[in-house]
Amino acid sequence: MKLSLPNLLTLGRIAAIPPAVALFFVPTVWADWALLLLFGFAALTDWLDGYLARILKEESAFGRFLDPIADKLLVSALLFMLGATGRLPDLSVVPAVIIVMRELLISGLREFLAGIGVALMVSQLAKWKTAVQMMAIGLLILGRQSGEILPFDHWGAGALWIAGVLTVASGWDYLVVGFGHIAASRKK
């Protein structure tokens, strides 16, 4: 396995999770901003690793395997930490749970389909879902810094609900496509 720059960026996204989790336990303004910067860099690598892999012609099976896992680990860890530290306003835990459940379900579906020789490609809707999730998490990270002028917590909660809707829609799309492949494989 060659560790290309795109793969190193993906691994860096995973490596950012422990310090991000640790920053949740530092109750200061600087820690919230440091967490936002760390998360923002990690979220940026979600786009950058794929872009670099394509332009440098370094796409790999390892990268295709690891990239979605890195995304799911980062999003799930931060959603759990936002919930555990009381930074998910009101009922915003509902879309957070939906997001984590969908990620597990689609990961299982991808694994099953890989076993029958089918690759489930990332849809454009799923890319939008990820972008809105990342934006929501970033806003929620700054939730403790909210005020009347900049209500980050309310904006983050709203974005998380939008991400929840996109999560259900993209998950449904994947299930329809996935079950179509499963049905076709049984007819062979």
Protein backbone atom coordinates (compact mmCIF):
# COMPACT_ATOMS: atom_id res chain seq x y z
CA MET A 1 0.00 0.00 0.00
CA LYS A 2 1.42 3.33 -1.11
CA LEU A 3 0.79 6.25 1.21
CA SER A 4 0.03 9.02 -1.25
CA LEU A 5 -0.76 12.59 -0.25
CA PRO A 6 -4.53 12.02 -0.65
CA ASN A 7 -4.36 8.95 1.59
CA LEU A 8 -2.27 10.84 4.15
CA LEU A 9 -4.94 13.58 4.24
CA THR A 10 -7.61 10.94 4.83
CA LEU A 11 -5.55 9.39 7.63
CA GLY A 12 -5.06 12.90 9.03
CA ARG A 13 -8.84 13.28 9.24
CA ILE A 14 -8.96 10.20 11.45
CA ALA A 15 -5.97 11.39 13.48
CA ALA A 16 -7.77 14.69 14.16
CA ILE A 17 -10.55 12.93 16.08
CA PRO A 18 -8.78 12.33 19.45
CA PRO A 19 -7.58 15.94 19.84
CA ALA A 20 -11.00 17.17 18.73
CA VAL A 21 -12.68 15.03 21.39
CA ALA A 22 -10.19 16.30 24.01
CA LEU A 23 -10.99 19.93 23.14
CA PHE A 24 -14.64 19.36 24.07
CA PHE A 25 -13.48 19.02 27.68
CA VAL A 26 -11.72 22.38 27.77
CA PRO A 27 -14.41 24.93 28.75
CA THR A 28 -12.80 28.02 27.27
CA VAL A 29 -13.43 30.24 24.28
CA TRP A 30 -10.01 29.47 22.77
CA ALA A 31 -10.76 25.73 22.91
CA ASP A 32 -14.00 26.20 20.96
CA TRP A 33 -12.16 28.17 18.28
CA ALA A 34 -9.28 25.66 18.22
CA LEU A 35 -11.82 22.84 17.85
CA LEU A 36 -13.52 24.71 15.02
CA LEU A 37 -10.19 25.20 13.24
CA LEU A 38 -9.22 21.55 13.69
CA PHE A 39 -12.63 20.36 12.54
CA GLY A 40 -12.63 22.84 9.65
CA PHE A 41 -9.27 21.56 8.45
CA ALA A 42 -10.44 17.94 8.79
CA ALA A 43 -13.66 18.74 6.90
CA LEU A 44 -11.66 20.48 4.16
CA THR A 45 -9.53 17.36 3.70
CA ASP A 46 -12.75 15.47 2.89
CA TRP A 47 -12.90 17.42 -0.35
CA LEU A 48 -9.17 17.92 -0.83
CA ASP A 49 -8.13 14.26 -0.67
CA GLY A 50 -10.50 13.26 -3.47
CA TYR A 51 -9.59 16.29 -5.56
CA LEU A 52 -5.87 15.60 -5.24
CA ALA A 53 -6.31 11.90 -5.92
CA ARG A 54 -8.04 12.73 -9.19
CA ILE A 55 -5.66 15.44 -10.44
CA LEU A 56 -2.53 13.57 -9.32
CA LYS A 57 -3.95 10.32 -10.72
CA GLU A 58 -3.42 8.63 -7.35
CA GLU A 59 -6.88 7.16 -6.85
CA SER A 60 -6.59 3.88 -5.01
CA ALA A 61 -8.66 1.08 -3.57
CA PHE A 62 -7.29 2.00 -0.13
CA GLY A 63 -8.46 5.61 -0.57
CA ARG A 64 -11.91 4.55 -1.80
CA PHE A 65 -12.17 2.27 1.24
CA LEU A 66 -10.83 4.69 3.86
CA ASP A 67 -12.34 8.02 2.77
CA PRO A 68 -15.99 7.26 3.64
CA ILE A 69 -14.89 5.61 6.89
CA ALA A 70 -12.91 8.70 7.89
CA ASP A 71 -15.96 10.87 7.20
CA LYS A 72 -18.26 8.65 9.24
CA LEU A 73 -15.80 8.45 12.15
CA LEU A 74 -15.33 12.23 12.24
CA VAL A 75 -19.02 13.10 11.96
CA SER A 76 -20.15 10.43 14.43
CA ALA A 77 -17.50 11.27 17.02
CA LEU A 78 -18.31 14.97 16.94
CA LEU A 79 -22.07 14.41 17.03
CA PHE A 80 -21.62 12.13 20.05
CA MET A 81 -19.45 14.74 21.76
CA LEU A 82 -21.90 17.55 20.99
CA GLY A 83 -24.64 15.45 22.57
CA ALA A 84 -22.54 14.31 25.53
CA THR A 85 -21.52 17.87 26.39
CA GLY A 86 -25.06 19.26 26.10
CA ARG A 87 -24.35 21.26 22.97
CA LEU A 88 -27.18 19.87 20.85
CA PRO A 89 -30.10 22.28 21.40
CA ASP A 90 -33.56 20.95 22.20
CA LEU A 91 -34.55 18.05 19.95
CA SER A 92 -31.51 18.30 17.69
CA VAL A 93 -30.40 14.95 19.01
CA VAL A 94 -33.05 13.44 16.69
CA PRO A 95 -31.30 14.31 13.40
CA ALA A 96 -27.97 13.43 15.04
CA VAL A 97 -29.25 9.92 15.79
CA ILE A 98 -30.72 9.64 12.28
CA ILE A 99 -27.37 10.63 10.78
CA VAL A 100 -25.42 8.03 12.79
CA MET A 101 -28.02 5.30 12.09
CA ARG A 102 -27.94 6.01 8.34
CA GLU A 103 -24.15 5.91 8.30
CA LEU A 104 -24.17 2.47 9.94
CA LEU A 105 -26.92 1.18 7.67
CA ILE A 106 -25.27 2.33 4.45
CA SER A 107 -21.87 1.06 5.60
CA GLY A 108 -23.42 -2.37 6.11
CA LEU A 109 -25.10 -2.18 2.72
CA ARG A 110 -21.82 -1.20 1.04
CA GLU A 111 -20.05 -4.11 2.73
CA PHE A 112 -22.71 -6.58 1.64
CA LEU A 113 -22.71 -5.27 -1.93
CA ALA A 114 -18.92 -5.47 -2.08
CA GLY A 115 -19.27 -9.14 -1.18
CA ILE A 116 -21.37 -9.70 -4.32
CA GLY A 117 -19.01 -7.60 -6.45
CA VAL A 118 -20.98 -4.34 -6.56
CA ALA A 119 -19.53 -0.95 -5.66
CA LEU A 120 -22.03 1.62 -4.41
CA MET A 121 -20.79 4.96 -5.71
CA VAL A 122 -21.22 8.18 -3.75
CA SER A 123 -24.19 10.18 -5.00
CA GLN A 124 -24.33 13.94 -5.45
CA LEU A 125 -27.08 14.09 -2.82
CA ALA A 126 -24.79 12.32 -0.35
CA LYS A 127 -22.08 14.90 -1.05
CA TRP A 128 -24.52 17.69 -0.25
CA LYS A 129 -25.59 15.83 2.88
CA THR A 130 -21.98 15.65 4.04
CA ALA A 131 -21.39 19.35 3.34
CA VAL A 132 -24.47 20.39 5.33
CA GLN A 133 -23.50 18.02 8.19
CA MET A 134 -20.05 19.56 8.35
CA MET A 135 -21.49 23.09 8.35
CA ALA A 136 -23.98 22.17 11.10
CA ILE A 137 -21.27 20.63 13.27
CA GLY A 138 -19.05 23.68 12.81
CA LEU A 139 -21.86 26.00 13.90
CA LEU A 140 -22.71 23.78 16.87
CA ILE A 141 -19.07 23.75 17.96
CA LEU A 142 -19.40 27.51 18.37
CA GLY A 143 -22.76 27.15 20.12
CA ARG A 144 -21.34 28.22 23.50
CA GLN A 145 -20.24 31.47 21.85
CA SER A 146 -23.79 32.25 20.67
CA GLY A 147 -25.44 35.55 21.32
CA GLU A 148 -28.38 37.51 19.98
CA ILE A 149 -26.36 38.82 17.05
CA LEU A 150 -24.74 35.48 16.12
CA PRO A 151 -26.94 32.59 17.32
CA PHE A 152 -24.56 29.80 16.24
CA ASP A 153 -26.49 27.20 18.25
CA HIS A 154 -29.79 27.96 16.48
CA TRP A 155 -28.16 28.10 13.05
CA GLY A 156 -26.34 24.84 13.78
CA ALA A 157 -29.53 23.15 14.97
CA GLY A 158 -31.37 24.29 11.83
CA ALA A 159 -28.56 23.06 9.60
CA LEU A 160 -28.51 19.73 11.47
CA TRP A 161 -32.24 19.26 10.78
CA ILE A 162 -31.62 20.00 7.09
CA ALA A 163 -28.74 17.49 7.16
CA GLY A 164 -31.12 14.99 8.77
CA VAL A 165 -33.59 15.35 5.90
CA LEU A 166 -30.81 15.02 3.32
CA THR A 167 -29.52 12.00 5.25
CA VAL A 168 -32.87 10.23 5.00
CA ALA A 169 -33.24 11.11 1.31
CA SER A 170 -29.74 9.97 0.35
CA GLY A 171 -30.08 6.85 2.51
CA TRP A 172 -33.33 5.98 0.76
CA ASP A 173 -31.66 6.41 -2.64
CA TYR A 174 -28.83 4.08 -1.60
CA LEU A 175 -31.28 1.48 -0.28
CA VAL A 176 -33.29 1.48 -3.52
CA VAL A 177 -30.13 1.08 -5.63
CA GLY A 178 -28.64 -1.45 -3.21
CA PHE A 179 -31.71 -3.64 -3.00
CA GLY A 180 -31.96 -3.51 -6.79
CA HIS A 181 -28.47 -4.99 -6.99
CA ILE A 182 -29.33 -7.58 -4.37
CA ALA A 183 -32.48 -8.63 -6.25
CA ALA A 184 -30.53 -8.83 -9.53
CA SER A 185 -27.83 -10.99 -7.91
CA ARG A 186 -30.43 -13.49 -6.67
CA LYS A 187 -31.79 -13.98 -10.19
CA LYS A 188 -28.37 -15.13 -11.45
